[in-house]
Amino acid sequence: MTSSIQIPVTLRPSLMKATWLFLVCSLFVACGIWMVSEGNTIGYFCAGFFALGLPIFALQFHPKSAYLHLAEEGFTYCSLFRAYTVRWEHVREFAVITVGRNRMVAWDFTPNHPMTGRISAISKSIAGHEAALPDTYGMKPQELVELMESLRQRYVQKQDT
């Protein structure tokens, strides 16, 4: 898998998950409206709460809202239009972690990373690693770890020479 990917490359999350969550929110909004029509005032809360999820999941369909860009210098991941760039030399190693029922790609920063601090410490206390990707971008977590680790090793070695 790793040898077949040409760098730079941009990976995108599966739209199936966003579609499913959008439909579930829509169903709960409809149920809330039905509850209100039946005289149950808790339906306002139900419809309102799940209506908040509709624009969030709808935004996932925009191509610039979520992605993972892999390049020689490092990687950039984006979630809800907020992008974060990490250089390969600032990553110690990648690992698969499990948080709840989600399997995620996580990493720890090297000591020379400029932005280690409180957020990294909180993340490490919760998940055992300082940072994690919000998605696996259509890949299995272990495959993505292997790809990113091979890129990290290749490009950190290239910089050292």
N, C-alpha and C. Protein backbone atom coordinates (compact mmCIF):
# COMPACT_ATOMS: atom_id res chain seq x y z
N MET A 1 0.82 -1.19 0.00
CA MET A 1 0.00 0.00 0.00
C MET A 1 0.86 1.25 0.00
N THR A 2 1.88 1.28 0.85
CA THR A 2 2.68 2.50 0.97
C THR A 2 3.45 2.81 -0.29
N SER A 3 3.89 1.81 -1.03
CA SER A 3 4.67 2.08 -2.23
C SER A 3 3.80 2.54 -3.39
N SER A 4 2.49 2.30 -3.32
CA SER A 4 1.61 2.66 -4.42
C SER A 4 1.09 4.09 -4.32
N ILE A 5 1.34 4.79 -3.23
CA ILE A 5 0.84 6.16 -3.05
C ILE A 5 1.92 7.14 -3.45
N GLN A 6 1.57 8.03 -4.36
CA GLN A 6 2.48 9.09 -4.79
C GLN A 6 2.29 10.32 -3.90
N ILE A 7 3.39 10.87 -3.44
CA ILE A 7 3.36 12.05 -2.58
C ILE A 7 3.63 13.27 -3.44
N PRO A 8 2.94 14.36 -3.30
CA PRO A 8 1.89 14.64 -2.32
C PRO A 8 0.57 14.01 -2.72
N VAL A 9 -0.25 13.72 -1.71
CA VAL A 9 -1.57 13.14 -1.92
C VAL A 9 -2.51 13.69 -0.85
N THR A 10 -3.77 13.84 -1.23
CA THR A 10 -4.79 14.28 -0.28
C THR A 10 -5.83 13.19 -0.14
N LEU A 11 -6.01 12.70 1.08
CA LEU A 11 -7.01 11.67 1.38
C LEU A 11 -8.23 12.35 1.99
N ARG A 12 -9.39 11.81 1.70
CA ARG A 12 -10.63 12.39 2.21
C ARG A 12 -11.39 11.34 3.02
N PRO A 13 -12.17 11.79 4.01
CA PRO A 13 -12.96 10.84 4.80
C PRO A 13 -14.10 10.26 3.96
N SER A 14 -14.58 9.13 4.42
CA SER A 14 -15.72 8.48 3.77
C SER A 14 -16.97 9.34 3.97
N LEU A 15 -17.69 9.59 2.90
CA LEU A 15 -18.93 10.37 3.00
C LEU A 15 -20.09 9.52 3.51
N MET A 16 -19.89 8.20 3.55
CA MET A 16 -20.95 7.31 4.02
C MET A 16 -21.29 7.60 5.49
N LYS A 17 -20.28 7.80 6.32
CA LYS A 17 -20.50 8.08 7.74
C LYS A 17 -21.26 9.40 7.92
N ALA A 18 -20.83 10.45 7.19
CA ALA A 18 -21.51 11.75 7.30
C ALA A 18 -22.95 11.64 6.81
N THR A 19 -23.16 10.88 5.74
CA THR A 19 -24.52 10.69 5.22
C THR A 19 -25.39 10.00 6.25
N TRP A 20 -24.86 8.94 6.87
CA TRP A 20 -25.61 8.18 7.86
C TRP A 20 -25.96 9.07 9.05
N LEU A 21 -24.99 9.83 9.55
CA LEU A 21 -25.24 10.70 10.71
C LEU A 21 -26.22 11.83 10.36
N PHE A 22 -26.14 12.36 9.15
CA PHE A 22 -27.09 13.38 8.71
C PHE A 22 -28.51 12.81 8.69
N LEU A 23 -28.64 11.59 8.18
CA LEU A 23 -29.97 10.96 8.12
C LEU A 23 -30.51 10.65 9.52
N VAL A 24 -29.65 10.22 10.43
CA VAL A 24 -30.08 9.94 11.80
C VAL A 24 -30.56 11.23 12.48
N CYS A 25 -29.80 12.30 12.31
CA CYS A 25 -30.22 13.60 12.88
C CYS A 25 -31.55 14.03 12.29
N SER A 26 -31.70 13.87 10.99
CA SER A 26 -32.96 14.24 10.32
C SER A 26 -34.13 13.44 10.88
N LEU A 27 -33.90 12.17 11.13
CA LEU A 27 -34.95 11.31 11.68
C LEU A 27 -35.36 11.78 13.08
N PHE A 28 -34.37 12.13 13.90
CA PHE A 28 -34.68 12.60 15.26
C PHE A 28 -35.36 13.97 15.24
N VAL A 29 -35.00 14.83 14.28
CA VAL A 29 -35.69 16.11 14.14
C VAL A 29 -37.15 15.85 13.78
N ALA A 30 -37.38 14.95 12.83
CA ALA A 30 -38.75 14.61 12.43
C ALA A 30 -39.53 14.01 13.60
N CYS A 31 -38.88 13.15 14.38
CA CYS A 31 -39.55 12.56 15.56
C CYS A 31 -39.89 13.66 16.58
N GLY A 32 -38.98 14.62 16.77
CA GLY A 32 -39.25 15.72 17.69
C GLY A 32 -40.43 16.55 17.24
N ILE A 33 -40.50 16.83 15.95
CA ILE A 33 -41.63 17.58 15.41
C ILE A 33 -42.93 16.80 15.60
N TRP A 34 -42.88 15.50 15.36
CA TRP A 34 -44.07 14.65 15.56
C TRP A 34 -44.49 14.67 17.02
N MET A 35 -43.51 14.60 17.95
CA MET A 35 -43.82 14.64 19.38
C MET A 35 -44.53 15.94 19.75
N VAL A 36 -44.05 17.06 19.20
CA VAL A 36 -44.68 18.36 19.46
C VAL A 36 -46.11 18.36 18.94
N SER A 37 -46.31 17.80 17.75
CA SER A 37 -47.66 17.76 17.17
C SER A 37 -48.61 16.89 17.99
N GLU A 38 -48.06 15.97 18.76
CA GLU A 38 -48.85 15.11 19.64
C GLU A 38 -49.04 15.73 21.03
N GLY A 39 -48.47 16.93 21.23
CA GLY A 39 -48.64 17.62 22.50
C GLY A 39 -47.53 17.38 23.50
N ASN A 40 -46.49 16.69 23.13
CA ASN A 40 -45.38 16.40 24.04
C ASN A 40 -44.31 17.49 23.86
N THR A 41 -44.16 18.34 24.84
CA THR A 41 -43.24 19.48 24.72
C THR A 41 -41.77 19.08 24.71
N ILE A 42 -41.42 17.89 25.16
CA ILE A 42 -40.02 17.45 25.09
C ILE A 42 -39.57 17.33 23.64
N GLY A 43 -40.51 17.27 22.73
CA GLY A 43 -40.19 17.22 21.30
C GLY A 43 -39.44 18.45 20.82
N TYR A 44 -39.69 19.61 21.45
CA TYR A 44 -38.95 20.83 21.10
C TYR A 44 -37.45 20.63 21.35
N PHE A 45 -37.13 20.05 22.51
CA PHE A 45 -35.74 19.79 22.86
C PHE A 45 -35.13 18.80 21.87
N CYS A 46 -35.84 17.71 21.61
CA CYS A 46 -35.35 16.67 20.71
C CYS A 46 -35.08 17.25 19.31
N ALA A 47 -36.07 17.94 18.76
CA ALA A 47 -35.91 18.51 17.41
C ALA A 47 -34.80 19.55 17.39
N GLY A 48 -34.76 20.41 18.40
CA GLY A 48 -33.74 21.46 18.44
C GLY A 48 -32.34 20.92 18.58
N PHE A 49 -32.17 19.95 19.47
CA PHE A 49 -30.85 19.38 19.70
C PHE A 49 -30.31 18.71 18.44
N PHE A 50 -31.11 17.87 17.82
CA PHE A 50 -30.63 17.15 16.65
C PHE A 50 -30.56 18.04 15.41
N ALA A 51 -31.31 19.13 15.39
CA ALA A 51 -31.21 20.08 14.29
C ALA A 51 -29.83 20.74 14.28
N LEU A 52 -29.21 20.86 15.46
CA LEU A 52 -27.86 21.43 15.53
C LEU A 52 -26.84 20.57 14.78
N GLY A 53 -27.06 19.27 14.72
CA GLY A 53 -26.15 18.38 14.02
C GLY A 53 -26.27 18.44 12.51
N LEU A 54 -27.41 18.87 12.00
CA LEU A 54 -27.63 18.87 10.56
C LEU A 54 -26.60 19.72 9.80
N PRO A 55 -26.37 20.98 10.17
CA PRO A 55 -25.37 21.74 9.40
C PRO A 55 -23.95 21.20 9.57
N ILE A 56 -23.64 20.65 10.73
CA ILE A 56 -22.30 20.10 10.96
C ILE A 56 -22.05 18.93 10.02
N PHE A 57 -23.02 18.01 9.93
CA PHE A 57 -22.83 16.86 9.05
C PHE A 57 -22.97 17.25 7.59
N ALA A 58 -23.76 18.26 7.28
CA ALA A 58 -23.87 18.74 5.90
C ALA A 58 -22.55 19.35 5.44
N LEU A 59 -21.85 20.04 6.34
CA LEU A 59 -20.56 20.64 5.99
C LEU A 59 -19.52 19.59 5.59
N GLN A 60 -19.67 18.38 6.07
CA GLN A 60 -18.72 17.32 5.76
C GLN A 60 -18.68 16.99 4.26
N PHE A 61 -19.71 17.40 3.53
CA PHE A 61 -19.76 17.11 2.10
C PHE A 61 -18.93 18.11 1.29
N HIS A 62 -18.51 19.22 1.89
CA HIS A 62 -17.67 20.19 1.20
C HIS A 62 -16.25 19.62 1.13
N PRO A 63 -15.62 19.63 -0.05
CA PRO A 63 -14.30 18.98 -0.17
C PRO A 63 -13.18 19.60 0.65
N LYS A 64 -13.31 20.86 1.05
CA LYS A 64 -12.25 21.49 1.85
C LYS A 64 -12.54 21.44 3.35
N SER A 65 -13.61 20.77 3.76
CA SER A 65 -13.95 20.75 5.18
C SER A 65 -13.18 19.70 5.96
N ALA A 66 -12.77 18.62 5.30
CA ALA A 66 -12.06 17.54 5.99
C ALA A 66 -11.15 16.81 5.01
N TYR A 67 -9.88 16.67 5.40
CA TYR A 67 -8.94 15.95 4.54
C TYR A 67 -7.66 15.67 5.31
N LEU A 68 -6.83 14.81 4.72
CA LEU A 68 -5.48 14.55 5.22
C LEU A 68 -4.56 14.70 4.02
N HIS A 69 -3.67 15.68 4.07
CA HIS A 69 -2.73 15.93 2.98
C HIS A 69 -1.35 15.45 3.42
N LEU A 70 -0.77 14.53 2.66
CA LEU A 70 0.54 13.99 2.96
C LEU A 70 1.54 14.54 1.96
N ALA A 71 2.64 15.10 2.45
CA ALA A 71 3.66 15.70 1.60
C ALA A 71 5.04 15.36 2.16
N GLU A 72 6.09 15.74 1.44
CA GLU A 72 7.46 15.47 1.89
C GLU A 72 7.79 16.16 3.21
N GLU A 73 7.24 17.34 3.42
CA GLU A 73 7.56 18.12 4.63
C GLU A 73 6.83 17.60 5.86
N GLY A 74 5.64 17.03 5.65
CA GLY A 74 4.82 16.57 6.77
C GLY A 74 3.41 16.32 6.32
N PHE A 75 2.47 16.45 7.24
CA PHE A 75 1.07 16.20 6.90
C PHE A 75 0.21 17.32 7.47
N THR A 76 -0.90 17.55 6.76
CA THR A 76 -1.89 18.53 7.20
C THR A 76 -3.22 17.80 7.30
N TYR A 77 -3.85 17.90 8.46
CA TYR A 77 -5.19 17.34 8.60
C TYR A 77 -6.15 18.47 8.87
N CYS A 78 -7.37 18.33 8.35
CA CYS A 78 -8.35 19.39 8.45
C CYS A 78 -9.68 18.78 8.90
N SER A 79 -10.34 19.46 9.83
CA SER A 79 -11.65 19.06 10.31
C SER A 79 -12.50 20.31 10.49
N LEU A 80 -13.66 20.33 9.86
CA LEU A 80 -14.55 21.50 9.87
C LEU A 80 -13.81 22.78 9.49
N PHE A 81 -13.03 22.69 8.41
CA PHE A 81 -12.29 23.81 7.82
C PHE A 81 -11.12 24.31 8.67
N ARG A 82 -10.79 23.64 9.75
CA ARG A 82 -9.63 24.04 10.57
C ARG A 82 -8.49 23.07 10.29
N ALA A 83 -7.43 23.61 9.70
CA ALA A 83 -6.30 22.78 9.28
C ALA A 83 -5.14 22.90 10.26
N TYR A 84 -4.45 21.79 10.45
CA TYR A 84 -3.28 21.72 11.34
C TYR A 84 -2.16 21.01 10.59
N THR A 85 -0.99 21.59 10.58
CA THR A 85 0.15 21.01 9.88
C THR A 85 1.18 20.52 10.90
N VAL A 86 1.69 19.33 10.65
CA VAL A 86 2.71 18.73 11.52
C VAL A 86 3.86 18.27 10.62
N ARG A 87 5.06 18.66 10.95
CA ARG A 87 6.24 18.23 10.18
C ARG A 87 6.64 16.83 10.63
N TRP A 88 7.16 16.04 9.69
CA TRP A 88 7.53 14.66 10.01
C TRP A 88 8.55 14.61 11.14
N GLU A 89 9.50 15.55 11.17
CA GLU A 89 10.54 15.50 12.20
C GLU A 89 10.02 15.84 13.59
N HIS A 90 8.77 16.30 13.69
CA HIS A 90 8.19 16.60 15.00
C HIS A 90 7.36 15.45 15.56
N VAL A 91 7.35 14.31 14.85
CA VAL A 91 6.59 13.14 15.29
C VAL A 91 7.57 12.06 15.74
N ARG A 92 7.34 11.53 16.93
CA ARG A 92 8.18 10.44 17.43
C ARG A 92 7.83 9.14 16.73
N GLU A 93 6.54 8.77 16.75
CA GLU A 93 6.04 7.61 16.00
C GLU A 93 4.52 7.61 16.03
N PHE A 94 3.93 6.87 15.11
CA PHE A 94 2.48 6.77 15.01
C PHE A 94 2.03 5.45 15.62
N ALA A 95 0.78 5.43 16.11
CA ALA A 95 0.21 4.22 16.71
C ALA A 95 -1.30 4.23 16.53
N VAL A 96 -1.88 3.05 16.60
CA VAL A 96 -3.35 2.92 16.59
C VAL A 96 -3.79 2.92 18.04
N ILE A 97 -4.79 3.75 18.35
CA ILE A 97 -5.35 3.78 19.70
C ILE A 97 -6.85 3.53 19.60
N THR A 98 -7.44 3.15 20.72
CA THR A 98 -8.88 2.97 20.79
C THR A 98 -9.42 3.91 21.86
N VAL A 99 -10.35 4.77 21.44
CA VAL A 99 -11.02 5.69 22.36
C VAL A 99 -12.51 5.38 22.24
N GLY A 100 -13.07 4.82 23.30
CA GLY A 100 -14.45 4.33 23.21
C GLY A 100 -14.50 3.18 22.22
N ARG A 101 -15.30 3.34 21.19
CA ARG A 101 -15.37 2.31 20.14
C ARG A 101 -14.60 2.72 18.89
N ASN A 102 -13.99 3.90 18.92
CA ASN A 102 -13.26 4.41 17.75
C ASN A 102 -11.80 4.00 17.78
N ARG A 103 -11.33 3.49 16.66
CA ARG A 103 -9.90 3.23 16.49
C ARG A 103 -9.35 4.40 15.69
N MET A 104 -8.28 5.00 16.23
CA MET A 104 -7.74 6.23 15.65
C MET A 104 -6.23 6.12 15.47
N VAL A 105 -5.70 6.99 14.61
CA VAL A 105 -4.26 7.11 14.43
C VAL A 105 -3.77 8.24 15.33
N ALA A 106 -2.82 7.91 16.19
CA ALA A 106 -2.31 8.89 17.16
C ALA A 106 -0.79 8.97 17.07
N TRP A 107 -0.24 10.00 17.69
CA TRP A 107 1.20 10.15 17.72
C TRP A 107 1.60 10.99 18.93
N ASP A 108 2.89 10.89 19.25
CA ASP A 108 3.51 11.75 20.26
C ASP A 108 4.51 12.65 19.55
N PHE A 109 4.68 13.86 20.06
CA PHE A 109 5.61 14.81 19.48
C PHE A 109 7.01 14.59 20.02
N THR A 110 7.99 14.97 19.22
CA THR A 110 9.38 14.97 19.69
C THR A 110 9.57 16.18 20.61
N PRO A 111 10.59 16.17 21.43
CA PRO A 111 10.82 17.31 22.35
C PRO A 111 11.03 18.65 21.63
N ASN A 112 11.49 18.63 20.37
CA ASN A 112 11.73 19.88 19.65
C ASN A 112 10.48 20.42 18.95
N HIS A 113 9.33 19.80 19.18
CA HIS A 113 8.09 20.31 18.59
C HIS A 113 7.73 21.62 19.28
N PRO A 114 7.42 22.66 18.50
CA PRO A 114 7.22 23.97 19.11
C PRO A 114 5.92 24.15 19.91
N MET A 115 4.95 23.27 19.75
CA MET A 115 3.65 23.55 20.36
C MET A 115 3.20 22.50 21.37
N THR A 116 4.11 21.77 21.99
CA THR A 116 3.67 20.86 23.03
C THR A 116 3.27 21.70 24.23
N GLY A 117 2.25 21.27 24.94
CA GLY A 117 1.78 22.06 26.06
C GLY A 117 0.60 21.42 26.73
N ARG A 118 -0.30 22.25 27.20
CA ARG A 118 -1.44 21.80 28.00
C ARG A 118 -2.36 20.85 27.22
N ILE A 119 -2.67 21.20 25.96
CA ILE A 119 -3.58 20.35 25.18
C ILE A 119 -2.96 18.99 24.94
N SER A 120 -1.67 18.95 24.63
CA SER A 120 -0.98 17.68 24.44
C SER A 120 -1.00 16.85 25.73
N ALA A 121 -0.82 17.49 26.85
CA ALA A 121 -0.83 16.79 28.14
C ALA A 121 -2.21 16.23 28.45
N ILE A 122 -3.25 17.01 28.15
CA ILE A 122 -4.62 16.51 28.37
C ILE A 122 -4.90 15.32 27.47
N SER A 123 -4.53 15.44 26.21
CA SER A 123 -4.73 14.34 25.27
C SER A 123 -3.97 13.09 25.71
N LYS A 124 -2.74 13.28 26.16
CA LYS A 124 -1.93 12.13 26.61
C LYS A 124 -2.57 11.46 27.83
N SER A 125 -3.15 12.24 28.73
CA SER A 125 -3.77 11.64 29.92
C SER A 125 -5.06 10.89 29.55
N ILE A 126 -5.76 11.34 28.52
CA ILE A 126 -7.00 10.68 28.13
C ILE A 126 -6.74 9.46 27.25
N ALA A 127 -5.91 9.65 26.21
CA ALA A 127 -5.76 8.60 25.19
C ALA A 127 -4.39 7.93 25.18
N GLY A 128 -3.45 8.44 25.97
CA GLY A 128 -2.13 7.84 26.00
C GLY A 128 -1.18 8.39 24.95
N HIS A 129 -1.66 9.32 24.12
CA HIS A 129 -0.82 9.96 23.10
C HIS A 129 -1.17 11.44 23.04
N GLU A 130 -0.24 12.22 22.50
CA GLU A 130 -0.41 13.68 22.53
C GLU A 130 -1.35 14.23 21.48
N ALA A 131 -1.56 13.51 20.39
CA ALA A 131 -2.45 14.01 19.33
C ALA A 131 -2.99 12.82 18.54
N ALA A 132 -4.08 13.06 17.81
CA ALA A 132 -4.68 12.01 16.99
C ALA A 132 -5.42 12.63 15.82
N LEU A 133 -5.52 11.88 14.74
CA LEU A 133 -6.29 12.31 13.58
C LEU A 133 -7.77 12.12 13.86
N PRO A 134 -8.62 13.00 13.35
CA PRO A 134 -10.06 12.87 13.59
C PRO A 134 -10.74 11.79 12.75
N ASP A 135 -10.05 11.23 11.76
CA ASP A 135 -10.63 10.25 10.86
C ASP A 135 -9.53 9.34 10.37
N THR A 136 -9.90 8.26 9.68
CA THR A 136 -8.91 7.39 9.06
C THR A 136 -8.93 7.51 7.54
N TYR A 137 -9.75 8.39 7.00
CA TYR A 137 -9.74 8.79 5.61
C TYR A 137 -9.87 7.62 4.64
N GLY A 138 -10.83 6.75 4.94
CA GLY A 138 -11.13 5.63 4.06
C GLY A 138 -10.17 4.46 4.18
N MET A 139 -9.24 4.54 5.11
CA MET A 139 -8.27 3.45 5.30
C MET A 139 -8.52 2.79 6.65
N LYS A 140 -8.01 1.58 6.79
CA LYS A 140 -8.02 0.94 8.10
C LYS A 140 -6.96 1.64 8.95
N PRO A 141 -7.22 1.79 10.26
CA PRO A 141 -6.26 2.52 11.10
C PRO A 141 -4.83 1.98 11.00
N GLN A 142 -4.66 0.67 11.00
CA GLN A 142 -3.31 0.10 10.94
C GLN A 142 -2.64 0.41 9.61
N GLU A 143 -3.39 0.39 8.51
CA GLU A 143 -2.83 0.73 7.19
C GLU A 143 -2.36 2.19 7.17
N LEU A 144 -3.16 3.07 7.74
CA LEU A 144 -2.80 4.49 7.77
C LEU A 144 -1.57 4.72 8.65
N VAL A 145 -1.49 4.03 9.78
CA VAL A 145 -0.30 4.13 10.64
C VAL A 145 0.94 3.68 9.87
N GLU A 146 0.84 2.55 9.17
CA GLU A 146 1.99 2.04 8.43
C GLU A 146 2.41 3.02 7.33
N LEU A 147 1.44 3.58 6.62
CA LEU A 147 1.74 4.57 5.58
C LEU A 147 2.43 5.79 6.17
N MET A 148 1.84 6.36 7.21
CA MET A 148 2.40 7.58 7.79
C MET A 148 3.75 7.34 8.45
N GLU A 149 3.91 6.20 9.09
CA GLU A 149 5.20 5.88 9.71
C GLU A 149 6.27 5.69 8.64
N SER A 150 5.94 5.04 7.53
CA SER A 150 6.93 4.87 6.46
C SER A 150 7.31 6.22 5.85
N LEU A 151 6.35 7.11 5.69
CA LEU A 151 6.65 8.45 5.17
C LEU A 151 7.50 9.24 6.16
N ARG A 152 7.16 9.14 7.44
CA ARG A 152 7.94 9.84 8.46
C ARG A 152 9.40 9.38 8.43
N GLN A 153 9.59 8.05 8.41
CA GLN A 153 10.96 7.52 8.41
C GLN A 153 11.71 7.92 7.14
N ARG A 154 11.03 7.85 5.99
CA ARG A 154 11.67 8.20 4.72
C ARG A 154 12.09 9.67 4.69
N TYR A 155 11.19 10.58 5.07
CA TYR A 155 11.49 11.98 4.91
C TYR A 155 12.32 12.56 6.04
N VAL A 156 12.31 11.97 7.22
CA VAL A 156 13.21 12.41 8.28
C VAL A 156 14.62 11.98 7.93
N GLN A 157 14.79 10.77 7.40
CA GLN A 157 16.12 10.30 6.97
C GLN A 157 16.65 11.15 5.83
N LYS A 158 15.76 11.55 4.91
CA LYS A 158 16.17 12.37 3.77
C LYS A 158 16.68 13.73 4.25
N GLN A 159 16.06 14.27 5.30
CA GLN A 159 16.48 15.57 5.84
C GLN A 159 17.82 15.45 6.58
N ASP A 160 18.06 14.28 7.18
CA ASP A 160 19.29 14.08 7.93
C ASP A 160 20.50 13.96 7.01
N THR A 161 20.28 13.57 5.76
CA THR A 161 21.42 13.36 4.85
C THR A 161 21.76 14.59 4.05
